[in-house]
Amino acid sequence: MKSEENMESKGVSRRQMMIGTGVLAAGAAMAHLGGLLKTVEAKEGPTEKWPWPYEKLDPAKTAEIAYEEWYRVFCGAAVINSVVSQLREKVGEPYTSFPVDSFVFLEGGMVGWGMTCGSNTGAAIIANLIIGPRIAGSTAGHQISEDMFQWYSEASMPVFVPKNPKVTTELVKTTADSPLCHVSVGKWMKASGFPIGSPERKDRCARVAASNAYHLVELLNAWKDGKYEPTSSHAPVKEYGITAQMNCMECHGDDVPAAPMAKK
């Protein structure tokens, strides 16, 4: 108390002391992170080098990993880790240092907001990580992401059945006609009768993540062999003048705003 009183008598408040301590702690943490990054750079080259190397994986094994990982980190991180965990063994860096668990926020269509299914987002992250971005001249990562979104929308989910399912109930399959979490899960819940917190709904989503991981690796393997051919027909900007899904009317009816079309 005396030290604090002395500090306050000199015009330094308790709040200022706490802020100063926080700044020092943050600075120390950033210095530590910087040291880790420099260590990786020294051993393997710059961490920002992109895209990253890929070795072909077994789709079934990848799906099993994704299924199990869903119960630890949920959909998006499960898909990401199903690929990254294997490439850590096959390739090493930069995958060894990749913080896969940081993508747990993709769960529930991004922290429960029901937006794009985390399985789709996780697949898109992996595709662009491995193949590279459109801005660098490679369109395959973008196209595989599109293919994954369309496949997810049109597939009767869940496709993959794990060897040792945690839920033995026979799960109904539904087609979302959308890449969105709340649409996909909502349609399944309506068809199955199981609520959001049920073991059946959870296992359904774990199997959906596994299904996405399986198909993602199929596409990546085809790309690695030079045999990948895009299949997505998604073209909303050309048809509607705005980035969008192709089935807005299903939920929104006449409330969909009309976008001004570009002059030809």
Protein backbone atom coordinates (compact mmCIF):
# COMPACT_ATOMS: atom_id res chain seq x y z
CA MET A 1 0.00 0.00 0.00
CA LYS A 2 2.82 2.42 0.83
CA SER A 3 4.38 1.98 -2.59
CA GLU A 4 1.01 2.68 -4.24
CA GLU A 5 0.47 5.73 -2.03
CA ASN A 6 3.92 6.99 -2.95
CA MET A 7 3.19 6.50 -6.62
CA GLU A 8 -0.14 8.31 -6.33
CA SER A 9 1.50 11.15 -4.47
CA LYS A 10 3.76 11.57 -7.47
CA GLY A 11 0.79 11.81 -9.83
CA VAL A 12 0.67 8.14 -10.89
CA SER A 13 -2.74 6.58 -10.25
CA ARG A 14 -3.53 2.90 -9.64
CA ARG A 15 -5.25 2.82 -13.05
CA GLN A 16 -2.14 4.16 -14.75
CA MET A 17 -0.06 1.55 -12.97
CA MET A 18 -2.36 -1.21 -14.24
CA ILE A 19 -2.29 0.18 -17.78
CA GLY A 20 1.48 0.39 -17.64
CA THR A 21 1.70 -3.20 -16.43
CA GLY A 22 -0.63 -4.32 -19.24
CA VAL A 23 1.47 -2.54 -21.85
CA LEU A 24 4.61 -4.20 -20.54
CA ALA A 25 2.93 -7.62 -20.59
CA ALA A 26 1.65 -7.12 -24.12
CA GLY A 27 5.06 -5.95 -25.23
CA ALA A 28 6.68 -9.01 -23.70
CA ALA A 29 4.16 -11.30 -25.42
CA MET A 30 4.76 -9.65 -28.80
CA ALA A 31 8.52 -9.91 -28.32
CA HIS A 32 8.14 -13.60 -27.54
CA LEU A 33 5.96 -14.15 -30.63
CA GLY A 34 8.45 -12.24 -32.74
CA GLY A 35 11.20 -14.50 -31.47
CA LEU A 36 9.22 -17.59 -32.40
CA LEU A 37 8.59 -16.27 -35.91
CA LYS A 38 12.26 -15.43 -36.36
CA THR A 39 13.15 -18.94 -35.25
CA VAL A 40 10.83 -20.42 -37.87
CA GLU A 41 12.25 -18.09 -40.53
CA ALA A 42 15.80 -19.08 -39.65
CA LYS A 43 15.01 -22.78 -39.94
CA GLU A 44 12.55 -22.91 -42.80
CA GLY A 45 12.59 -19.53 -44.55
CA PRO A 46 10.07 -16.67 -44.35
CA THR A 47 6.78 -17.66 -42.75
CA GLU A 48 4.84 -15.54 -45.23
CA LYS A 49 5.93 -17.66 -48.19
CA TRP A 50 2.79 -18.82 -49.95
CA PRO A 51 1.38 -21.19 -51.20
CA TRP A 52 2.47 -24.11 -49.06
CA PRO A 53 3.59 -27.55 -50.28
CA TYR A 54 1.11 -30.41 -50.55
CA GLU A 55 1.43 -34.18 -50.55
CA LYS A 56 -1.52 -36.38 -51.51
CA LEU A 57 -3.63 -37.68 -48.64
CA ASP A 58 -6.09 -40.52 -48.13
CA PRO A 59 -9.62 -39.03 -48.20
CA ALA A 60 -11.07 -41.70 -45.87
CA LYS A 61 -8.34 -41.23 -43.26
CA THR A 62 -8.77 -37.46 -43.51
CA ALA A 63 -12.51 -37.78 -42.97
CA GLU A 64 -12.03 -39.96 -39.88
CA ILE A 65 -9.67 -37.35 -38.40
CA ALA A 66 -12.16 -34.57 -39.15
CA TYR A 67 -14.97 -36.54 -37.50
CA GLU A 68 -13.00 -37.01 -34.28
CA GLU A 69 -11.70 -33.43 -34.33
CA TRP A 70 -15.22 -32.02 -34.56
CA TYR A 71 -15.79 -33.17 -30.99
CA ARG A 72 -12.72 -31.17 -29.93
CA VAL A 73 -12.72 -27.99 -32.05
CA PHE A 74 -15.94 -28.22 -34.11
CA CYS A 75 -16.50 -27.98 -37.87
CA GLY A 76 -14.09 -25.46 -39.42
CA ALA A 77 -11.04 -26.26 -37.33
CA ALA A 78 -11.81 -29.98 -37.71
CA VAL A 79 -11.59 -29.76 -41.51
CA ILE A 80 -8.43 -27.65 -41.32
CA ASN A 81 -6.72 -29.91 -38.80
CA SER A 82 -7.66 -33.09 -40.68
CA VAL A 83 -5.38 -31.90 -43.48
CA VAL A 84 -2.76 -29.90 -41.56
CA SER A 85 -2.11 -32.64 -38.97
CA GLN A 86 -1.15 -35.07 -41.73
CA LEU A 87 0.95 -32.55 -43.64
CA ARG A 88 2.87 -31.84 -40.44
CA GLU A 89 4.07 -35.43 -40.63
CA LYS A 90 4.58 -35.53 -44.39
CA VAL A 91 6.00 -32.03 -44.97
CA GLY A 92 6.92 -30.48 -41.61
CA GLU A 93 7.16 -26.69 -41.63
CA PRO A 94 5.33 -24.45 -42.21
CA TYR A 95 2.51 -26.78 -41.13
CA THR A 96 4.20 -27.62 -37.81
CA SER A 97 3.79 -24.04 -36.61
CA PHE A 98 0.29 -23.52 -38.03
CA PRO A 99 -2.11 -22.64 -35.15
CA VAL A 100 -5.03 -24.78 -36.27
CA ASP A 101 -7.02 -24.47 -33.04
CA SER A 102 -7.28 -20.71 -33.57
CA PHE A 103 -9.96 -21.43 -36.17
CA VAL A 104 -12.37 -22.78 -33.58
CA PHE A 105 -14.35 -19.54 -34.07
CA LEU A 106 -15.71 -20.98 -37.35
CA GLU A 107 -18.04 -23.16 -35.25
CA GLY A 108 -21.75 -22.61 -35.77
CA GLY A 109 -21.34 -20.53 -38.91
CA MET A 110 -18.74 -18.34 -37.14
CA VAL A 111 -19.22 -18.14 -33.37
CA GLY A 112 -22.80 -19.31 -33.65
CA TRP A 113 -24.01 -16.66 -36.09
CA GLY A 114 -25.21 -19.26 -38.59
CA MET A 115 -23.36 -17.80 -41.56
CA THR A 116 -21.25 -19.93 -43.91
CA CYS A 117 -20.85 -23.44 -42.52
CA GLY A 118 -17.45 -23.72 -40.86
CA SER A 119 -16.79 -26.88 -42.86
CA ASN A 120 -16.95 -24.81 -46.04
CA THR A 121 -14.80 -22.01 -44.67
CA GLY A 122 -12.23 -24.46 -43.37
CA ALA A 123 -12.06 -26.14 -46.77
CA ALA A 124 -11.61 -22.77 -48.49
CA ILE A 125 -8.79 -21.81 -46.10
CA ILE A 126 -6.95 -25.06 -46.85
CA ALA A 127 -7.47 -24.80 -50.62
CA ASN A 128 -6.11 -21.26 -50.77
CA LEU A 129 -3.30 -22.02 -48.35
CA ILE A 130 -2.06 -24.86 -50.55
CA ILE A 131 -2.83 -23.60 -54.04
CA GLY A 132 -2.47 -19.86 -53.62
CA PRO A 133 -4.70 -16.84 -54.06
CA ARG A 134 -6.38 -15.44 -57.12
CA ILE A 135 -4.38 -12.22 -56.66
CA ALA A 136 -1.17 -14.17 -57.36
CA GLY A 137 -2.47 -15.51 -60.67
CA SER A 138 -3.67 -18.93 -59.48
CA THR A 139 -7.42 -19.46 -59.68
CA ALA A 140 -7.50 -23.13 -58.67
CA GLY A 141 -7.72 -22.40 -54.92
CA HIS A 142 -10.64 -20.06 -55.56
CA GLN A 143 -12.28 -22.58 -57.88
CA ILE A 144 -11.90 -25.48 -55.46
CA SER A 145 -13.49 -23.29 -52.77
CA GLU A 146 -16.41 -22.61 -55.11
CA ASP A 147 -16.69 -26.29 -55.97
CA MET A 148 -16.76 -27.17 -52.27
CA PHE A 149 -19.54 -24.65 -51.59
CA GLN A 150 -21.65 -25.93 -54.46
CA TRP A 151 -21.02 -29.59 -53.63
CA TYR A 152 -21.99 -28.95 -50.00
CA SER A 153 -25.17 -27.21 -51.14
CA GLU A 154 -26.24 -30.02 -53.47
CA ALA A 155 -25.10 -33.14 -51.58
CA SER A 156 -27.45 -35.23 -49.46
CA MET A 157 -25.74 -34.70 -46.11
CA PRO A 158 -24.17 -36.24 -44.21
CA VAL A 159 -22.36 -38.32 -46.86
CA PHE A 160 -19.58 -39.87 -44.79
CA VAL A 161 -20.25 -42.56 -42.20
CA PRO A 162 -17.44 -43.01 -39.63
CA LYS A 163 -16.09 -46.44 -38.75
CA ASN A 164 -16.95 -45.97 -35.08
CA PRO A 165 -19.78 -43.43 -34.85
CA LYS A 166 -20.41 -41.85 -31.47
CA VAL A 167 -24.15 -41.93 -32.19
CA THR A 168 -25.61 -45.15 -33.59
CA THR A 169 -29.00 -43.71 -34.51
CA GLU A 170 -29.60 -43.79 -38.25
CA LEU A 171 -29.40 -40.14 -39.27
CA VAL A 172 -31.69 -38.71 -41.91
CA LYS A 173 -30.02 -37.01 -44.88
CA THR A 174 -31.03 -33.61 -46.22
CA THR A 175 -29.99 -31.29 -49.04
CA ALA A 176 -29.36 -27.71 -47.94
CA ASP A 177 -29.38 -25.97 -51.33
CA SER A 178 -27.21 -23.46 -49.49
CA PRO A 179 -23.69 -23.21 -47.99
CA LEU A 180 -25.08 -21.46 -44.91
CA CYS A 181 -24.98 -23.10 -41.48
CA HIS A 182 -28.43 -22.05 -40.30
CA VAL A 183 -30.09 -23.21 -43.51
CA SER A 184 -28.26 -26.54 -43.60
CA VAL A 185 -28.74 -27.33 -39.92
CA GLY A 186 -32.26 -25.93 -39.84
CA LYS A 187 -33.48 -28.11 -42.70
CA TRP A 188 -31.90 -31.17 -41.12
CA MET A 189 -33.44 -30.44 -37.71
CA LYS A 190 -36.87 -30.02 -39.29
CA ALA A 191 -36.57 -33.30 -41.20
CA SER A 192 -35.10 -35.28 -38.30
CA GLY A 193 -37.01 -33.82 -35.38
CA PHE A 194 -33.83 -33.53 -33.28
CA PRO A 195 -33.08 -30.19 -31.53
CA ILE A 196 -29.84 -28.23 -31.78
CA GLY A 197 -28.37 -29.58 -28.54
CA SER A 198 -29.09 -33.25 -29.22
CA PRO A 199 -26.31 -35.83 -29.66
CA GLU A 200 -27.83 -36.67 -33.04
CA ARG A 201 -27.54 -33.10 -34.34
CA LYS A 202 -23.97 -32.87 -33.08
CA ASP A 203 -23.00 -36.14 -34.73
CA ARG A 204 -24.70 -35.05 -37.94
CA CYS A 205 -22.50 -31.94 -38.05
CA ALA A 206 -19.40 -34.00 -37.21
CA ARG A 207 -20.20 -36.24 -40.18
CA VAL A 208 -20.80 -33.22 -42.41
CA ALA A 209 -17.35 -31.89 -41.50
CA ALA A 210 -15.91 -35.32 -42.28
CA SER A 211 -17.79 -35.38 -45.60
CA ASN A 212 -16.31 -32.00 -46.54
CA ALA A 213 -12.80 -33.06 -45.55
CA TYR A 214 -13.14 -36.20 -47.70
CA HIS A 215 -14.26 -34.28 -50.79
CA LEU A 216 -11.69 -31.52 -50.26
CA VAL A 217 -8.84 -34.05 -50.34
CA GLU A 218 -10.32 -35.63 -53.46
CA LEU A 219 -10.11 -32.27 -55.20
CA LEU A 220 -6.64 -31.47 -53.84
CA ASN A 221 -5.34 -34.86 -54.98
CA ALA A 222 -6.77 -34.27 -58.45
CA TRP A 223 -5.09 -30.85 -58.51
CA LYS A 224 -1.78 -32.40 -57.41
CA ASP A 225 -2.04 -34.89 -60.29
CA GLY A 226 -2.86 -32.11 -62.75
CA LYS A 227 -6.34 -33.56 -63.32
CA TYR A 228 -8.51 -31.04 -61.48
CA GLU A 229 -11.38 -29.56 -63.50
CA PRO A 230 -13.67 -26.89 -61.94
CA THR A 231 -17.34 -27.84 -61.77
CA SER A 232 -19.05 -24.87 -60.06
CA SER A 233 -21.61 -22.93 -62.05
CA HIS A 234 -22.02 -20.20 -59.43
CA ALA A 235 -22.24 -16.81 -61.20
CA PRO A 236 -24.43 -14.40 -59.21
CA VAL A 237 -22.68 -11.17 -60.20
CA LYS A 238 -23.30 -11.81 -63.88
CA GLU A 239 -26.94 -12.77 -63.33
CA TYR A 240 -27.96 -10.52 -60.44
CA GLY A 241 -25.38 -7.75 -60.32
CA ILE A 242 -24.29 -8.59 -56.77
CA THR A 243 -22.36 -11.26 -54.86
CA ALA A 244 -24.93 -13.71 -53.53
CA GLN A 245 -26.27 -17.22 -53.33
CA MET A 246 -28.37 -18.45 -56.19
CA ASN A 247 -31.41 -19.33 -54.05
CA CYS A 248 -32.16 -16.16 -52.09
CA MET A 249 -35.88 -16.42 -52.90
CA GLU A 250 -36.27 -19.61 -50.87
CA CYS A 251 -36.00 -17.72 -47.58
CA HIS A 252 -36.42 -14.06 -48.43
CA GLY A 253 -39.20 -14.13 -51.02
CA ASP A 254 -39.97 -10.71 -52.47
CA ASP A 255 -37.79 -8.94 -49.90
CA VAL A 256 -34.56 -9.52 -51.87
CA PRO A 257 -33.22 -6.05 -52.84
CA ALA A 258 -32.62 -5.53 -56.55
CA ALA A 259 -29.06 -4.46 -57.35
CA PRO A 260 -28.38 -1.97 -60.16
CA MET A 261 -26.90 -3.81 -63.13
CA ALA A 262 -23.71 -2.63 -64.79
CA LYS A 263 -24.17 -0.92 -68.12
CA LYS A 264 -22.99 -2.98 -71.05
